[in-house]
C-alpha cells in the first residue's frame, strides 16, 4: 500500500507537469530551427512580383527576415516580429500584417554566437570576416548586425504597374539609392549555401533599418564602425510554393544566376 501511494503521487505530479511542458514547447517556436521561404527566388527575379502569401501567416513562421512587398514596391525587413517597408522614395515605415508578399525568407531568431568588433570593414571585408567565423560552408545562417556604421548605401525599386513584368535585372535603371553616414542601425540577413540556389538567393543578402526607423533598404555597400554580430545557425528549410497561374506557367529552364548577381550588387556589370 505504501508503494502504491508513492507511485500514485508521482503519477499525479507527472500528469500535472505535462501540460506545462507542452505549453512551453508550443511557446518556443525556435525548436523548429527552420528557414521558411514564401515564394521562389528565381521566379521572383524573373518577374513574379504579385504577392500571394499573407504577412499574418509569415509572422507565424518567423520574427526575423527580409523580402519584397507586393508588386516590388520597395524592400521588406522583419525584425523582432515587426514588418518594415522602404519605398523607392526613401520613405521607411512599419506596416501592418494585413498585406501580402511575393517572396520572403524568415526564421525565429535566437543567437547561437555573438561577436563584437570595432574594426572598420567594407562590405567585402565584412563578408570575408563572417566567412572566417562561420566554419560550416554548407550551413544556413541567419545574421543580425547592429551598431554604428560609418557609411551605408541602400536601394529600393519602385512599384511595377503593368504586366507582363520585366525581370528584375531589367529594372535596375529604375532603382533608387540612399546614402547614410555615421548612422546607428541594424542589418537583417542570411548566408545561404549553394545547394539551396533557385528557391533562395544564395550567398549573403542583407537589408538595413536605421535606429530611428526612418531609413532602410537593400544593402549595396557599407563601412562598419563598432558593431555587434549575432549569428543563428539553422538546421532545415521549408519552401512554400505559390499556387498561382503565373507560377504554374513560369519557365524555370533559364539560368538566372547572373541576373541574381546583378540584382544583389545593384548594377549590370
Protein backbone atom coordinates (compact mmCIF):
# COMPACT_ATOMS: atom_id res chain seq x y z
CA UNK A 1 0.00 0.00 0.00
CA UNK A 2 2.85 2.35 0.84
CA UNK A 3 4.49 1.82 -2.57
CA UNK A 4 1.14 2.26 -4.28
CA UNK A 5 0.66 5.67 -2.64
CA UNK A 6 4.13 6.82 -3.70
CA UNK A 7 3.52 5.65 -7.27
CA UNK A 8 0.12 7.38 -7.38
CA UNK A 9 1.56 10.63 -6.11
CA UNK A 10 4.35 10.53 -8.72
CA UNK A 11 1.83 9.81 -11.47
CA UNK A 12 -0.33 12.78 -10.47
CA UNK A 13 2.71 15.09 -10.44
CA UNK A 14 3.75 13.86 -13.89
CA UNK A 15 0.29 14.50 -15.28
CA UNK A 16 0.27 17.98 -13.77
CA UNK A 17 3.67 18.80 -15.27
CA UNK A 18 2.94 17.56 -18.79
CA UNK A 19 0.60 20.35 -19.90
CA UNK A 20 3.10 22.93 -18.65
CA UNK A 21 5.97 21.35 -20.57
CA UNK A 22 3.81 21.04 -23.69
CA UNK A 23 2.76 24.67 -23.41
CA UNK A 24 6.40 25.73 -23.09
CA UNK A 25 7.31 23.75 -26.21
CA UNK A 26 4.46 25.36 -28.15
CA UNK A 27 5.53 28.80 -26.95
CA UNK A 28 9.09 28.17 -28.14
CA UNK A 29 8.96 28.22 -31.97
CA UNK A 30 12.77 28.18 -32.02
CA UNK A 31 12.54 24.42 -31.56
CA UNK A 32 11.89 24.12 -35.31
CA UNK A 33 15.17 25.92 -36.13
CA UNK A 34 13.97 26.29 -39.72
CA UNK A 35 14.39 28.84 -42.51
CA UNK A 36 11.00 29.44 -44.10
CA UNK A 37 10.75 30.74 -47.67
CA UNK A 38 7.49 32.10 -49.04
CA UNK A 39 7.70 32.04 -52.82
CA UNK A 40 10.61 31.18 -55.09
CA UNK A 41 13.66 33.40 -55.62
CA UNK A 42 14.25 32.57 -59.29
CA UNK A 43 10.60 33.13 -60.10
CA UNK A 44 10.63 36.43 -58.24
CA UNK A 45 13.83 37.56 -60.01
CA UNK A 46 12.17 36.51 -63.26
CA UNK A 47 9.20 38.82 -62.76
CA UNK A 48 6.62 37.19 -60.48
CA UNK A 49 6.00 40.25 -58.34
CA UNK A 50 2.34 39.75 -57.48
CA UNK A 51 2.01 38.99 -53.77
CA UNK A 52 0.32 35.79 -52.64
CA UNK A 53 1.50 34.95 -49.09
CA UNK A 54 -0.14 36.88 -46.21
CA UNK A 55 2.07 38.79 -43.79
CA UNK A 56 -0.07 37.45 -40.95
CA UNK A 57 0.93 33.89 -41.87
CA UNK A 58 4.55 34.94 -42.44
CA UNK A 59 4.77 36.17 -38.84
CA UNK A 60 3.75 32.70 -37.69
CA UNK A 61 6.85 31.33 -39.47
CA UNK A 62 9.40 33.79 -38.10
CA UNK A 63 10.13 37.07 -36.32
CA UNK A 64 13.26 37.90 -38.35
CA UNK A 65 13.85 38.09 -42.09
CA UNK A 66 13.59 40.01 -45.34
CA UNK A 67 11.71 40.03 -48.62
CA UNK A 68 9.68 42.14 -51.00
CA UNK A 69 6.31 43.90 -50.83
CA UNK A 70 3.54 43.41 -53.38
CA UNK A 71 4.41 44.47 -56.94
CA UNK A 72 8.01 45.20 -55.97
CA UNK A 73 7.08 48.34 -54.03
CA UNK A 74 10.44 48.75 -52.30
CA UNK A 75 12.11 46.42 -49.80
CA UNK A 76 10.81 44.47 -46.80
CA UNK A 77 12.52 43.80 -43.46
CA UNK A 78 11.23 41.83 -40.47
CA UNK A 79 12.86 42.20 -37.06
CA UNK A 80 11.56 41.43 -33.55
CA UNK A 81 8.27 40.42 -35.13
CA UNK A 82 7.63 43.80 -36.79
CA UNK A 83 7.50 44.47 -40.53
CA UNK A 84 9.12 47.50 -42.18
CA UNK A 85 8.91 48.70 -45.78
CA UNK A 86 11.32 51.01 -47.57
CA UNK A 87 9.88 52.53 -50.75
CA UNK A 88 11.70 53.97 -53.77
CA UNK A 89 11.06 57.46 -52.36
CA UNK A 90 13.28 56.52 -49.42
CA UNK A 91 10.35 56.53 -47.02
CA UNK A 92 10.64 53.76 -44.43
CA UNK A 93 7.82 52.81 -42.08
CA UNK A 94 6.30 49.98 -40.08
CA UNK A 95 3.49 48.20 -41.89
CA UNK A 96 0.53 46.18 -40.60
CA UNK A 97 0.33 42.44 -41.23
CA UNK A 98 -2.74 42.84 -43.47
CA UNK A 99 -0.75 42.77 -46.73
CA UNK A 100 0.97 40.02 -48.70
CA UNK A 101 4.42 39.26 -50.12
CA UNK A 102 5.57 37.63 -53.38
CA UNK A 103 8.86 36.48 -51.81
CA UNK A 104 10.21 36.50 -48.27
CA UNK A 105 12.51 34.45 -46.04
CA UNK A 106 12.08 34.33 -42.25
CA UNK A 107 13.04 32.40 -39.14
CA UNK A 108 12.63 32.69 -35.39
CA UNK A 109 15.94 34.28 -34.44
CA UNK A 110 17.93 33.10 -31.44
CA UNK A 111 21.66 33.85 -31.40
CA UNK A 112 23.98 30.85 -31.08
CA UNK A 113 27.07 33.05 -31.37
CA UNK A 114 27.73 36.72 -30.55
CA UNK A 115 30.81 38.66 -31.70
CA UNK A 116 31.68 42.31 -31.07
CA UNK A 117 34.18 44.18 -33.23
CA UNK A 118 35.31 47.77 -33.72
CA UNK A 119 37.37 47.03 -36.84
CA UNK A 120 36.27 49.17 -39.77
CA UNK A 121 35.20 46.91 -42.63
CA UNK A 122 33.82 47.41 -46.11
CA UNK A 123 31.07 45.08 -47.29
CA UNK A 124 33.54 42.66 -48.89
CA UNK A 125 35.72 42.62 -45.78
CA UNK A 126 32.70 42.10 -43.55
CA UNK A 127 31.65 39.11 -45.65
CA UNK A 128 35.19 37.72 -45.52
CA UNK A 129 35.21 38.17 -41.76
CA UNK A 130 31.86 36.40 -41.46
CA UNK A 131 33.23 33.55 -43.57
CA UNK A 132 36.08 33.20 -41.06
CA UNK A 133 33.70 32.76 -38.12
CA UNK A 134 31.09 30.64 -39.92
CA UNK A 135 33.01 27.36 -40.28
CA UNK A 136 30.29 25.29 -41.95
CA UNK A 137 30.39 26.28 -45.62
CA UNK A 138 27.11 24.40 -46.16
CA UNK A 139 25.40 25.86 -43.11
CA UNK A 140 22.29 28.04 -43.21
CA UNK A 141 22.96 31.18 -41.17
CA UNK A 142 20.66 33.99 -40.07
CA UNK A 143 22.80 37.03 -39.24
CA UNK A 144 21.88 40.16 -37.26
CA UNK A 145 24.39 43.02 -37.24
CA UNK A 146 23.71 46.11 -35.15
CA UNK A 147 25.70 49.14 -34.10
CA UNK A 148 27.35 52.14 -35.75
CA UNK A 149 28.11 52.32 -39.47
CA UNK A 150 30.47 54.89 -40.96
CA UNK A 151 28.56 54.65 -44.22
CA UNK A 152 25.62 52.69 -45.64
CA UNK A 153 24.34 52.64 -49.22
CA UNK A 154 20.96 51.02 -49.85
CA UNK A 155 18.45 50.78 -52.67
CA UNK A 156 14.79 50.18 -53.36
CA UNK A 157 12.79 49.53 -56.52
CA UNK A 158 9.63 51.43 -57.46
CA UNK A 159 6.30 49.66 -57.72
CA UNK A 160 5.65 47.95 -61.07
CA UNK A 161 2.38 48.88 -62.73
CA UNK A 162 1.64 46.77 -65.78
CA UNK A 163 2.01 43.16 -66.86
CA UNK A 164 3.93 41.45 -68.32
CA UNK A 165 6.51 42.47 -65.70
CA UNK A 166 10.12 42.94 -66.74
CA UNK A 167 12.57 40.60 -64.96
CA UNK A 168 14.28 42.34 -62.05
CA UNK A 169 17.70 42.74 -63.73
CA UNK A 170 15.95 44.72 -66.47
CA UNK A 171 14.58 47.14 -63.88
CA UNK A 172 18.00 48.11 -62.48
CA UNK A 173 17.90 51.57 -64.17
CA UNK A 174 14.76 52.32 -62.10
CA UNK A 175 16.23 51.54 -58.68
CA UNK A 176 16.81 54.39 -56.26
CA UNK A 177 19.84 54.65 -53.99
CA UNK A 178 20.12 56.11 -50.48
CA UNK A 179 23.32 57.11 -48.68
CA UNK A 180 23.71 57.33 -44.91
CA UNK A 181 26.74 58.48 -42.90
CA UNK A 182 27.68 57.78 -39.27
CA UNK A 183 24.37 56.12 -38.59
CA UNK A 184 23.15 53.68 -35.96
CA UNK A 185 21.11 50.79 -37.23
CA UNK A 186 20.91 47.10 -37.94
CA UNK A 187 21.35 44.62 -40.76
CA UNK A 188 18.99 41.68 -41.12
CA UNK A 189 20.12 38.93 -43.43
CA UNK A 190 21.38 35.47 -44.26
CA UNK A 191 24.18 33.43 -45.69
CA UNK A 192 22.53 30.71 -47.79
CA UNK A 193 24.58 27.74 -49.11
CA UNK A 194 24.89 26.93 -52.80
CA UNK A 195 22.74 23.79 -52.71
CA UNK A 196 19.69 25.99 -51.95
CA UNK A 197 20.08 28.03 -55.12
CA UNK A 198 16.87 28.53 -57.07
CA UNK A 199 14.22 28.73 -54.35
CA UNK A 200 16.53 31.03 -52.35
CA UNK A 201 19.17 33.68 -53.03
CA UNK A 202 22.48 32.08 -52.12
CA UNK A 203 25.44 33.80 -50.51
CA UNK A 204 25.00 36.91 -48.36
CA UNK A 205 21.85 39.02 -48.53
CA UNK A 206 21.12 41.90 -46.13
CA UNK A 207 18.57 44.65 -45.64
CA UNK A 208 19.11 47.71 -43.42
CA UNK A 209 16.96 49.55 -40.86
CA UNK A 210 18.13 52.68 -39.06
CA UNK A 211 17.62 53.05 -35.31
CA UNK A 212 15.06 55.81 -35.84
CA UNK A 213 13.17 53.52 -38.26
CA UNK A 214 13.25 56.23 -40.96
CA UNK A 215 15.89 54.73 -43.28
CA UNK A 216 16.34 51.32 -44.85
CA UNK A 217 16.64 49.26 -47.99
CA UNK A 218 18.67 46.50 -49.61
CA UNK A 219 22.40 46.75 -48.82
CA UNK A 220 24.59 47.83 -51.75
CA UNK A 221 27.67 48.93 -49.82
CA UNK A 222 28.71 49.74 -46.27
CA UNK A 223 31.51 50.63 -43.90
CA UNK A 224 31.23 49.30 -40.37
CA UNK A 225 32.39 51.11 -37.26
CA UNK A 226 31.56 49.46 -33.94
CA UNK A 227 29.16 46.54 -34.39
CA UNK A 228 27.69 43.53 -32.62
CA UNK A 229 27.17 40.42 -34.77
CA UNK A 230 24.61 37.82 -33.73
CA UNK A 231 24.54 34.50 -35.59
CA UNK A 232 21.84 31.85 -35.65
CA UNK A 233 22.69 28.58 -37.45
CA UNK A 234 19.58 26.89 -38.85
CA UNK A 235 19.23 23.18 -39.49
CA UNK A 236 16.42 22.88 -42.03
CA UNK A 237 14.46 24.85 -44.60
CA UNK A 238 10.92 24.88 -45.95
CA UNK A 239 9.64 26.45 -49.17
CA UNK A 240 6.03 27.43 -49.75
CA UNK A 241 5.27 27.13 -53.47
CA UNK A 242 2.81 29.70 -54.87
CA UNK A 243 -0.39 28.09 -56.09
CA UNK A 244 -0.92 30.65 -58.86
CA UNK A 245 -1.42 30.52 -62.61
CA UNK A 246 1.70 32.65 -63.19
CA UNK A 247 3.87 30.31 -61.14
CA UNK A 248 2.42 27.21 -62.80
CA UNK A 249 3.39 28.54 -66.25
CA UNK A 250 6.77 30.09 -65.29
CA UNK A 251 9.79 28.87 -67.29
CA UNK A 252 12.41 27.58 -64.86
CA UNK A 253 14.80 26.39 -67.58
CA UNK A 254 16.58 29.73 -67.87
CA UNK A 255 19.74 30.12 -65.78
CA UNK A 256 19.24 33.30 -63.75
CA UNK A 257 22.41 33.20 -61.66
CA UNK A 258 23.94 36.19 -63.45
CA UNK A 259 20.69 38.14 -63.08
CA UNK A 260 20.70 37.41 -59.34
CA UNK A 261 24.30 38.65 -59.06
CA UNK A 262 23.42 41.88 -60.87
CA UNK A 263 20.34 42.48 -58.73
CA UNK A 264 22.21 41.82 -55.49
CA UNK A 265 25.01 44.24 -56.43
CA UNK A 266 22.67 46.84 -57.90
CA UNK A 267 24.47 47.05 -61.24
CA UNK A 268 24.67 45.23 -64.58
CA UNK A 269 28.44 44.73 -64.61
